[in-house]
Structure formats: structure tokens, C-alpha cells
C-alpha atoms as a PDB file:
ATOM      1  CA  UNK A   1     -29.982  55.360  -2.766  1.00  0.00           C
ATOM      2  CA  UNK A   2     -29.259  54.936  -6.564  1.00  0.00           C
ATOM      3  CA  UNK A   3     -25.656  56.074  -5.939  1.00  0.00           C
ATOM      4  CA  UNK A   4     -25.169  53.468  -3.362  1.00  0.00           C
ATOM      5  CA  UNK A   5     -26.401  50.714  -5.623  1.00  0.00           C
ATOM      6  CA  UNK A   6     -24.192  51.997  -8.423  1.00  0.00           C
ATOM      7  CA  UNK A   7     -21.070  51.710  -5.988  1.00  0.00           C
ATOM      8  CA  UNK A   8     -22.180  48.249  -4.984  1.00  0.00           C
ATOM      9  CA  UNK A   9     -22.286  47.134  -8.557  1.00  0.00           C
ATOM     10  CA  UNK A  10     -18.837  48.643  -9.240  1.00  0.00           C
ATOM     11  CA  UNK A  11     -17.392  46.768  -6.391  1.00  0.00           C
ATOM     12  CA  UNK A  12     -18.787  43.417  -7.362  1.00  0.00           C
ATOM     13  CA  UNK A  13     -17.708  43.990 -11.003  1.00  0.00           C
ATOM     14  CA  UNK A  14     -14.281  44.736  -9.852  1.00  0.00           C
ATOM     15  CA  UNK A  15     -13.986  41.890  -7.449  1.00  0.00           C
ATOM     16  CA  UNK A  16     -11.204  39.362  -8.563  1.00  0.00           C
ATOM     17  CA  UNK A  17     -12.734  36.633 -10.773  1.00  0.00           C
ATOM     18  CA  UNK A  18     -11.539  33.790  -8.568  1.00  0.00           C
ATOM     19  CA  UNK A  19     -13.413  35.161  -5.592  1.00  0.00           C
ATOM     20  CA  UNK A  20     -16.531  35.154  -7.502  1.00  0.00           C
ATOM     21  CA  UNK A  21     -16.197  31.505  -9.099  1.00  0.00           C
ATOM     22  CA  UNK A  22     -16.978  28.238  -6.960  1.00  0.00           C
ATOM     23  CA  UNK A  23     -13.882  26.300  -5.907  1.00  0.00           C
ATOM     24  CA  UNK A  24     -12.827  23.616  -8.460  1.00  0.00           C
ATOM     25  CA  UNK A  25     -12.645  20.177  -6.728  1.00  0.00           C
ATOM     26  CA  UNK A  26      -9.196  18.758  -6.590  1.00  0.00           C
ATOM     27  CA  UNK A  27      -8.371  16.103  -9.137  1.00  0.00           C
ATOM     28  CA  UNK A  28      -8.563  12.557  -7.700  1.00  0.00           C
ATOM     29  CA  UNK A  29      -5.356  10.775  -6.723  1.00  0.00           C
ATOM     30  CA  UNK A  30      -4.710   8.152  -9.331  1.00  0.00           C
ATOM     31  CA  UNK A  31      -3.830   4.611  -8.115  1.00  0.00           C
ATOM     32  CA  UNK A  32      -2.483   1.800 -10.217  1.00  0.00           C
ATOM     33  CA  UNK A  33      -3.371  -1.713  -9.155  1.00  0.00           C
ATOM     34  CA  UNK A  34      -1.284  -4.565 -10.798  1.00  0.00           C
ATOM     35  CA  UNK A  35      -3.624  -7.000 -12.676  1.00  0.00           C
ATOM     36  CA  UNK A  36      -1.541  -9.534 -14.601  1.00  0.00           C
ATOM     37  CA  UNK A  37       0.176 -13.138 -13.981  1.00  0.00           C
ATOM     38  CA  UNK A  38       0.663 -13.406 -10.329  1.00  0.00           C
ATOM     39  CA  UNK A  39      -2.568 -11.494  -9.446  1.00  0.00           C
ATOM     40  CA  UNK A  40      -6.109 -11.251 -10.335  1.00  0.00           C
ATOM     41  CA  UNK A  41      -6.505  -9.829 -13.791  1.00  0.00           C
ATOM     42  CA  UNK A  42      -9.772  -8.330 -13.186  1.00  0.00           C
ATOM     43  CA  UNK A  43     -10.818  -5.841 -10.350  1.00  0.00           C
ATOM     44  CA  UNK A  44     -10.390  -7.464  -6.944  1.00  0.00           C
ATOM     45  CA  UNK A  45     -10.479  -6.557  -3.314  1.00  0.00           C
ATOM     46  CA  UNK A  46      -7.478  -4.114  -3.511  1.00  0.00           C
ATOM     47  CA  UNK A  47      -9.056  -1.964  -6.236  1.00  0.00           C
ATOM     48  CA  UNK A  48     -12.489  -2.096  -4.487  1.00  0.00           C
ATOM     49  CA  UNK A  49     -10.827  -1.055  -1.333  1.00  0.00           C
ATOM     50  CA  UNK A  50      -9.320   2.023  -3.090  1.00  0.00           C
ATOM     51  CA  UNK A  51     -12.707   2.954  -4.630  1.00  0.00           C
ATOM     52  CA  UNK A  52     -14.166   3.166  -1.133  1.00  0.00           C
ATOM     53  CA  UNK A  53     -11.703   6.071  -0.180  1.00  0.00           C
ATOM     54  CA  UNK A  54     -12.931   9.341  -1.196  1.00  0.00           C
ATOM     55  CA  UNK A  55     -10.646  11.289  -3.567  1.00  0.00           C
ATOM     56  CA  UNK A  56      -8.882   8.277  -5.187  1.00  0.00           C
ATOM     57  CA  UNK A  57      -9.282   6.881  -8.549  1.00  0.00           C
ATOM     58  CA  UNK A  58      -8.001   3.343  -9.437  1.00  0.00           C
ATOM     59  CA  UNK A  59      -6.997   1.749 -12.774  1.00  0.00           C
ATOM     60  CA  UNK A  60      -5.746  -1.663 -13.515  1.00  0.00           C
ATOM     61  CA  UNK A  61      -2.231  -2.009 -15.043  1.00  0.00           C
ATOM     62  CA  UNK A  62      -0.300  -4.895 -16.630  1.00  0.00           C
ATOM     63  CA  UNK A  63       3.239  -5.612 -16.882  1.00  0.00           C
ATOM     64  CA  UNK A  64       3.412  -4.265 -20.230  1.00  0.00           C
ATOM     65  CA  UNK A  65       1.779  -1.128 -19.130  1.00  0.00           C
ATOM     66  CA  UNK A  66       4.627  -0.560 -16.434  1.00  0.00           C
ATOM     67  CA  UNK A  67       7.289  -1.522 -18.824  1.00  0.00           C
ATOM     68  CA  UNK A  68       6.038   1.047 -21.269  1.00  0.00           C
ATOM     69  CA  UNK A  69       6.335   3.935 -18.773  1.00  0.00           C
ATOM     70  CA  UNK A  70       2.438   4.313 -17.808  1.00  0.00           C
ATOM     71  CA  UNK A  71       3.322   4.659 -13.917  1.00  0.00           C
ATOM     72  CA  UNK A  72       4.180   8.295 -14.596  1.00  0.00           C
ATOM     73  CA  UNK A  73       0.246   8.825 -14.745  1.00  0.00           C
ATOM     74  CA  UNK A  74      -0.184   7.551 -11.148  1.00  0.00           C
ATOM     75  CA  UNK A  75       0.688   8.476  -7.575  1.00  0.00           C
ATOM     76  CA  UNK A  76       0.550   5.013  -6.092  1.00  0.00           C
ATOM     77  CA  UNK A  77       1.199   1.396  -7.238  1.00  0.00           C
ATOM     78  CA  UNK A  78      -0.428  -1.529  -5.388  1.00  0.00           C
ATOM     79  CA  UNK A  79       0.936  -4.968  -5.913  1.00  0.00           C
ATOM     80  CA  UNK A  80      -1.846  -7.088  -4.351  1.00  0.00           C
ATOM     81  CA  UNK A  81      -2.122 -10.711  -3.397  1.00  0.00           C
ATOM     82  CA  UNK A  82      -1.353 -13.699  -5.375  1.00  0.00           C
ATOM     83  CA  UNK A  83       2.156 -14.801  -6.209  1.00  0.00           C
ATOM     84  CA  UNK A  84       5.134 -12.694  -5.529  1.00  0.00           C
ATOM     85  CA  UNK A  85       7.279 -14.649  -8.041  1.00  0.00           C
ATOM     86  CA  UNK A  86       4.407 -14.675 -10.572  1.00  0.00           C
ATOM     87  CA  UNK A  87       4.291 -10.821 -10.415  1.00  0.00           C
ATOM     88  CA  UNK A  88       8.110 -10.568 -10.803  1.00  0.00           C
ATOM     89  CA  UNK A  89       7.876 -12.687 -13.859  1.00  0.00           C
ATOM     90  CA  UNK A  90       5.112 -10.711 -15.325  1.00  0.00           C
ATOM     91  CA  UNK A  91       7.016  -7.529 -14.771  1.00  0.00           C
ATOM     92  CA  UNK A  92      10.256  -8.665 -16.059  1.00  0.00           C
ATOM     93  CA  UNK A  93      13.615  -7.270 -15.254  1.00  0.00           C
ATOM     94  CA  UNK A  94      12.689  -3.997 -16.919  1.00  0.00           C
ATOM     95  CA  UNK A  95       9.416  -3.671 -15.281  1.00  0.00           C
ATOM     96  CA  UNK A  96      10.805  -4.300 -11.990  1.00  0.00           C
ATOM     97  CA  UNK A  97      13.490  -1.584 -12.503  1.00  0.00           C
ATOM     98  CA  UNK A  98      10.520   0.804 -13.587  1.00  0.00           C
ATOM     99  CA  UNK A  99       8.786   0.133 -10.379  1.00  0.00           C
ATOM    100  CA  UNK A 100      11.924   0.808  -8.205  1.00  0.00           C
ATOM    101  CA  UNK A 101      12.495   4.077 -10.234  1.00  0.00           C
ATOM    102  CA  UNK A 102       8.742   5.116  -9.779  1.00  0.00           C
ATOM    103  CA  UNK A 103       9.276   4.863  -5.993  1.00  0.00           C
ATOM    104  CA  UNK A 104      12.660   6.408  -5.904  1.00  0.00           C
ATOM    105  CA  UNK A 105      11.366   9.421  -7.699  1.00  0.00           C
ATOM    106  CA  UNK A 106       8.604   9.986  -5.201  1.00  0.00           C
ATOM    107  CA  UNK A 107       5.877   7.441  -5.973  1.00  0.00           C
ATOM    108  CA  UNK A 108       3.902   5.577  -3.423  1.00  0.00           C
ATOM    109  CA  UNK A 109       4.054   1.619  -3.150  1.00  0.00           C
ATOM    110  CA  UNK A 110       1.681  -0.612  -1.296  1.00  0.00           C
ATOM    111  CA  UNK A 111       2.529  -4.417  -1.107  1.00  0.00           C
ATOM    112  CA  UNK A 112      -0.051  -6.827   0.160  1.00  0.00           C
ATOM    113  CA  UNK A 113       0.979 -10.244   0.821  1.00  0.00           C
ATOM    114  CA  UNK A 114       2.545 -11.272  -2.508  1.00  0.00           C
ATOM    115  CA  UNK A 115       3.305  -7.554  -2.948  1.00  0.00           C
ATOM    116  CA  UNK A 116       5.074  -7.595   0.312  1.00  0.00           C
ATOM    117  CA  UNK A 117       7.082 -10.617  -0.726  1.00  0.00           C
ATOM    118  CA  UNK A 118       7.998  -8.669  -3.997  1.00  0.00           C
ATOM    119  CA  UNK A 119       9.089  -5.658  -1.964  1.00  0.00           C
ATOM    120  CA  UNK A 120      11.425  -7.393   0.228  1.00  0.00           C
ATOM    121  CA  UNK A 121      15.224  -8.120  -0.477  1.00  0.00           C
ATOM    122  CA  UNK A 122      14.982 -11.990   0.104  1.00  0.00           C
ATOM    123  CA  UNK A 123      14.752 -13.127  -3.598  1.00  0.00           C
ATOM    124  CA  UNK A 124      16.635 -12.607  -6.638  1.00  0.00           C
ATOM    125  CA  UNK A 125      13.303 -11.631  -8.267  1.00  0.00           C
ATOM    126  CA  UNK A 126      12.396  -9.155  -5.363  1.00  0.00           C
ATOM    127  CA  UNK A 127      12.479  -5.360  -5.671  1.00  0.00           C
ATOM    128  CA  UNK A 128      14.728  -4.549  -2.711  1.00  0.00           C
ATOM    129  CA  UNK A 129      12.791  -1.569  -1.830  1.00  0.00           C
ATOM    130  CA  UNK A 130      11.927  -2.704   1.679  1.00  0.00           C
ATOM    131  CA  UNK A 131      14.805  -3.759   3.970  1.00  0.00           C
ATOM    132  CA  UNK A 132      13.019  -6.828   5.171  1.00  0.00           C
ATOM    133  CA  UNK A 133      14.057 -10.450   5.113  1.00  0.00           C
ATOM    134  CA  UNK A 134      11.360 -13.122   4.767  1.00  0.00           C
ATOM    135  CA  UNK A 135      11.543 -15.756   7.486  1.00  0.00           C
ATOM    136  CA  UNK A 136      10.704 -19.376   7.168  1.00  0.00           C
ATOM    137  CA  UNK A 137      10.611 -19.430   3.499  1.00  0.00           C
ATOM    138  CA  UNK A 138      10.362 -23.173   3.145  1.00  0.00           C
ATOM    139  CA  UNK A 139       7.065 -23.118   4.862  1.00  0.00           C
ATOM    140  CA  UNK A 140       5.331 -20.095   3.186  1.00  0.00           C
ATOM    141  CA  UNK A 141       2.192 -22.303   2.496  1.00  0.00           C
ATOM    142  CA  UNK A 142       1.402 -22.480   6.183  1.00  0.00           C
ATOM    143  CA  UNK A 143      -2.403 -22.034   5.896  1.00  0.00           C
ATOM    144  CA  UNK A 144      -4.930 -19.186   5.919  1.00  0.00           C
ATOM    145  CA  UNK A 145      -7.488 -17.694   8.264  1.00  0.00           C
ATOM    146  CA  UNK A 146      -7.923 -14.884  10.743  1.00  0.00           C
ATOM    147  CA  UNK A 147      -5.070 -13.718  12.940  1.00  0.00           C
ATOM    148  CA  UNK A 148      -4.639 -11.193  15.530  1.00  0.00           C
ATOM    149  CA  UNK A 149      -2.184  -8.225  15.046  1.00  0.00           C
ATOM    150  CA  UNK A 150      -0.531  -6.343  18.095  1.00  0.00           C
ATOM    151  CA  UNK A 151       0.154  -2.690  16.899  1.00  0.00           C
ATOM    152  CA  UNK A 152       3.185  -1.188  18.178  1.00  0.00           C
ATOM    153  CA  UNK A 153       2.765   2.174  20.055  1.00  0.00           C
ATOM    154  CA  UNK A 154       3.739   4.010  16.765  1.00  0.00           C
ATOM    155  CA  UNK A 155       1.207   1.892  15.025  1.00  0.00           C
ATOM    156  CA  UNK A 156      -1.660   2.871  17.275  1.00  0.00           C
ATOM    157  CA  UNK A 157      -0.667   6.355  16.795  1.00  0.00           C
ATOM    158  CA  UNK A 158      -0.411   6.122  12.982  1.00  0.00           C
ATOM    159  CA  UNK A 159      -3.747   3.867  12.465  1.00  0.00           C
ATOM    160  CA  UNK A 160      -5.695   6.000  14.978  1.00  0.00           C
ATOM    161  CA  UNK A 161      -6.666   2.805  16.605  1.00  0.00           C
ATOM    162  CA  UNK A 162      -8.925   2.595  19.681  1.00  0.00           C
ATOM    163  CA  UNK A 163      -7.434  -0.845  20.479  1.00  0.00           C
ATOM    164  CA  UNK A 164      -3.744  -2.087  20.106  1.00  0.00           C
ATOM    165  CA  UNK A 165      -5.172  -5.554  18.774  1.00  0.00           C
ATOM    166  CA  UNK A 166      -6.807  -5.910  15.342  1.00  0.00           C
ATOM    167  CA  UNK A 167      -8.156  -9.099  13.628  1.00  0.00           C
ATOM    168  CA  UNK A 168      -7.112  -9.443   9.943  1.00  0.00           C
ATOM    169  CA  UNK A 169      -7.504 -12.152   7.385  1.00  0.00           C
ATOM    170  CA  UNK A 170      -4.199 -13.849   6.515  1.00  0.00           C
ATOM    171  CA  UNK A 171      -3.421 -15.570   3.245  1.00  0.00           C
ATOM    172  CA  UNK A 172       0.127 -17.050   3.596  1.00  0.00           C
ATOM    173  CA  UNK A 173       1.874 -13.576   3.477  1.00  0.00           C
ATOM    174  CA  UNK A 174       5.656 -13.242   4.460  1.00  0.00           C
ATOM    175  CA  UNK A 175       6.850 -13.317   7.865  1.00  0.00           C
ATOM    176  CA  UNK A 176       8.931 -10.220   7.848  1.00  0.00           C
ATOM    177  CA  UNK A 177      11.968  -9.358   9.896  1.00  0.00           C
ATOM    178  CA  UNK A 178      14.319  -6.302   9.602  1.00  0.00           C
ATOM    179  CA  UNK A 179      17.069  -6.824   6.999  1.00  0.00           C
ATOM    180  CA  UNK A 180      20.698  -5.794   6.886  1.00  0.00           C
ATOM    181  CA  UNK A 181      21.008  -3.787   3.747  1.00  0.00           C
ATOM    182  CA  UNK A 182      22.569  -0.570   4.374  1.00  0.00           C
ATOM    183  CA  UNK A 183      21.612   0.784   0.989  1.00  0.00           C
ATOM    184  CA  UNK A 184      18.004   0.706   2.035  1.00  0.00           C
ATOM    185  CA  UNK A 185      16.526   2.647   5.070  1.00  0.00           C
ATOM    186  CA  UNK A 186      15.244   0.625   7.894  1.00  0.00           C
ATOM    187  CA  UNK A 187      11.657   0.001   8.070  1.00  0.00           C
ATOM    188  CA  UNK A 188       9.272   1.013  10.816  1.00  0.00           C
ATOM    189  CA  UNK A 189       7.243  -1.933  12.345  1.00  0.00           C
ATOM    190  CA  UNK A 190       3.663  -0.981  12.908  1.00  0.00           C
ATOM    191  CA  UNK A 191       2.147  -4.187  13.712  1.00  0.00           C
ATOM    192  CA  UNK A 192       3.266  -7.754  14.506  1.00  0.00           C
ATOM    193  CA  UNK A 193       1.436 -11.175  14.608  1.00  0.00           C
ATOM    194  CA  UNK A 194       0.089 -11.973  18.005  1.00  0.00           C
ATOM    195  CA  UNK A 195      -1.474 -15.284  16.923  1.00  0.00           C
ATOM    196  CA  UNK A 196      -0.365 -17.534  14.261  1.00  0.00           C
ATOM    197  CA  UNK A 197      -1.419 -20.078  11.677  1.00  0.00           C
ATOM    198  CA  UNK A 198       0.639 -23.387  11.098  1.00  0.00           C
ATOM    199  CA  UNK A 199      -2.128 -25.690   9.904  1.00  0.00           C
ATOM    200  CA  UNK A 200      -0.156 -27.095   6.974  1.00  0.00           C
ATOM    201  CA  UNK A 201       2.952 -27.141   4.744  1.00  0.00           C
ATOM    202  CA  UNK A 202       5.086 -28.487   7.656  1.00  0.00           C
ATOM    203  CA  UNK A 203       4.978 -24.979   9.344  1.00  0.00           C
ATOM    204  CA  UNK A 204       5.952 -25.118  13.080  1.00  0.00           C
ATOM    205  CA  UNK A 205       4.405 -23.279  15.866  1.00  0.00           C
ATOM    206  CA  UNK A 206       6.272 -20.474  17.543  1.00  0.00           C
ATOM    207  CA  UNK A 207       7.729 -19.047  14.257  1.00  0.00           C
ATOM    208  CA  UNK A 208       4.972 -16.491  13.065  1.00  0.00           C
ATOM    209  CA  UNK A 209       4.458 -14.884  16.417  1.00  0.00           C
ATOM    210  CA  UNK A 210       6.136 -11.597  16.669  1.00  0.00           C
ATOM    211  CA  UNK A 211       7.237 -11.190  13.074  1.00  0.00           C
ATOM    212  CA  UNK A 212       6.183  -8.005  11.251  1.00  0.00           C
ATOM    213  CA  UNK A 213       2.994  -7.706   9.718  1.00  0.00           C
ATOM    214  CA  UNK A 214       2.695  -4.107   8.670  1.00  0.00           C
ATOM    215  CA  UNK A 215       5.612  -1.904   7.830  1.00  0.00           C
ATOM    216  CA  UNK A 216       6.483   1.426   6.445  1.00  0.00           C
ATOM    217  CA  UNK A 217       9.680   2.938   5.094  1.00  0.00           C
ATOM    218  CA  UNK A 218      11.047   5.354   2.473  1.00  0.00           C
ATOM    219  CA  UNK A 219      12.972   4.523  -0.593  1.00  0.00           C
ATOM    220  CA  UNK A 220      14.501   7.491  -2.349  1.00  0.00           C
ATOM    221  CA  UNK A 221      11.863  10.282  -2.502  1.00  0.00           C
ATOM    222  CA  UNK A 222       9.038   7.627  -2.387  1.00  0.00           C
ATOM    223  CA  UNK A 223       7.036   5.765   0.327  1.00  0.00           C
ATOM    224  CA  UNK A 224       6.785   1.896   0.707  1.00  0.00           C
ATOM    225  CA  UNK A 225       3.962   0.343   2.795  1.00  0.00           C
ATOM    226  CA  UNK A 226       3.735  -3.484   3.206  1.00  0.00           C
ATOM    227  CA  UNK A 227       1.099  -5.583   4.670  1.00  0.00           C
ATOM    228  CA  UNK A 228       1.861  -9.273   5.111  1.00  0.00           C
ATOM    229  CA  UNK A 229      -1.911 -10.011   5.794  1.00  0.00           C
ATOM    230  CA  UNK A 230      -5.071  -8.715   3.785  1.00  0.00           C
ATOM    231  CA  UNK A 231      -6.793  -5.679   5.566  1.00  0.00           C
ATOM    232  CA  UNK A 232      -8.518  -5.140   2.236  1.00  0.00           C
ATOM    233  CA  UNK A 233     -10.205  -8.594   2.396  1.00  0.00           C
ATOM    234  CA  UNK A 234     -11.196  -8.124   6.029  1.00  0.00           C
ATOM    235  CA  UNK A 235     -14.736  -6.981   6.520  1.00  0.00           C
ATOM    236  CA  UNK A 236     -14.311  -4.918   9.659  1.00  0.00           C
ATOM    237  CA  UNK A 237     -14.118  -1.001  10.333  1.00  0.00           C
ATOM    238  CA  UNK A 238     -10.678  -1.408  11.882  1.00  0.00           C
ATOM    239  CA  UNK A 239      -9.161  -3.419   9.055  1.00  0.00           C
ATOM    240  CA  UNK A 240     -10.702  -0.887   6.483  1.00  0.00           C
ATOM    241  CA  UNK A 241      -9.197   2.053   8.417  1.00  0.00           C
ATOM    242  CA  UNK A 242      -5.718   0.303   8.457  1.00  0.00           C
ATOM    243  CA  UNK A 243      -5.868   0.072   4.477  1.00  0.00           C
ATOM    244  CA  UNK A 244      -7.194   3.644   4.251  1.00  0.00           C
ATOM    245  CA  UNK A 245      -4.509   5.109   6.363  1.00  0.00           C
ATOM    246  CA  UNK A 246      -1.685   3.363   4.576  1.00  0.00           C
ATOM    247  CA  UNK A 247      -3.050   4.444   1.337  1.00  0.00           C
ATOM    248  CA  UNK A 248      -3.191   8.122   2.259  1.00  0.00           C
ATOM    249  CA  UNK A 249       0.310   7.842   3.664  1.00  0.00           C
ATOM    250  CA  UNK A 250       1.751   6.307   0.380  1.00  0.00           C
ATOM    251  CA  UNK A 251       0.086   9.030  -1.460  1.00  0.00           C
ATOM    252  CA  UNK A 252       1.715  11.590   0.803  1.00  0.00           C
ATOM    253  CA  UNK A 253      -1.490  12.808   2.311  1.00  0.00           C
ATOM    254  CA  UNK A 254      -0.666  12.145   5.904  1.00  0.00           C
END
């Protein structure tokens, strides 16, 4: 008996150290949310939506932070709602180039509403990281409210949706259509507007329906995901799942 106990002790003592230590939790994925001119300067719905996803850590960044190279500390950058041109101005030419290089080198980008305007190729201040044109630019202030999105078959699969129609809050985001820039990969449409808003600003009916509401693409080694509407501001399980899935994809986790 004594000999058996001694043998057992020897086996335990000789076991690899890693096998006897508890697993170390993986470090959280760091997400930067833009918080400068053209966006909320304090924690808003986008940052709060990230905090609801386990395994992610969020920090607010300014244009100066980005110009000084701080994106190297993050896996994903979110450009939230607000003003696309205002965000572009706050970034400046140097900051916009830093964002493009961040994505090109493997970073993730999520553009929501204003951030989708910023990602497009339609303006001299936009990033040109999503091959998308903004339609009906003259009537961007078309109104706000809930809209229905029709998921494409690929969108249903991607989001794991039980239904192909999802209601999401719209806040005057861009009406996106495929661009024609051969230097940028084509985007994959995942959802389109099934209903529309044209309550002000001279917007006409029949323009918004069918335009792209959610799209994903690659840019260099990185990933770009754009929402025209606001799933992060929509209090429903379906909309929250859409945001969470997009975040995981942008971070390279699915």
C-alpha cells in the first residue's frame, strides 16, 4: 500500500505543470468606438452593445488617438451614428489613412449609419473601403423610425435568423448600392430595406425599398461590415443578434 502511494505521488509530481494548472481565460477582444466630432463623445449605444457581448472590451477613441497610432491596440474599430462628414473632419486626412491601413493590415471595421457613409466611396471625405455608392444623396434627411429589413438567403444563414424579416430602427442612414471600383472587392448584401421612410426633406417614395441595409466585405486582410440602420439602438433579440454576429465576424471570430 505504502509503495502504491509513493508511486502515485511520483506520477503527480512528474505531470506537466500546464496539466495541473487551471486554464487561463483568453484575453478580451479590444474594440475601439469613435467618440469625437460627428459622434457622441461619451459612451453611447454602440459601446453599450459591445459590452453586452461576452469576451469583448470597449474603449472610446478620438481622432487624435487614431492619428497617434492607438488603433494598433485594438482588433475592431466602430464608427457609430452621427455625421459621416463630421467624423471624417475629426479624423482628418491622416486619421482616415490610419483607419484604412488598420483595416488593410487585418483590422475589423463596423460602420453604423454615419459610419457606413464614411466607409463608402461616394464622397471625397469617405474612406473608400466598401465598394458602395450612396443613392439619393440630396434627400439624406428623409426621416427616422422603424423599418423592416428583408434578409437575403446568405443573410439568413449568416445571422442565424428564424425569420427573413427583421424590424430595425432607421436614423437617416445611407441608401447603399453596389459601386464600380475595381480596386475594392464587391460587397455581399445581407439585408435590404423592405419598407421605407420618406416623411421629410423632399424624399420620394419608392427610392429606399430594395437598397442595401447591411453589407460585408473584405479590404486587404481586414473585414468591413456596414449597417445603414441601427441594430444597436433597437431593443429586440433579433436586432441585438445581428449586431453581435457582425461584431464577431469583424473580429474574425466567425
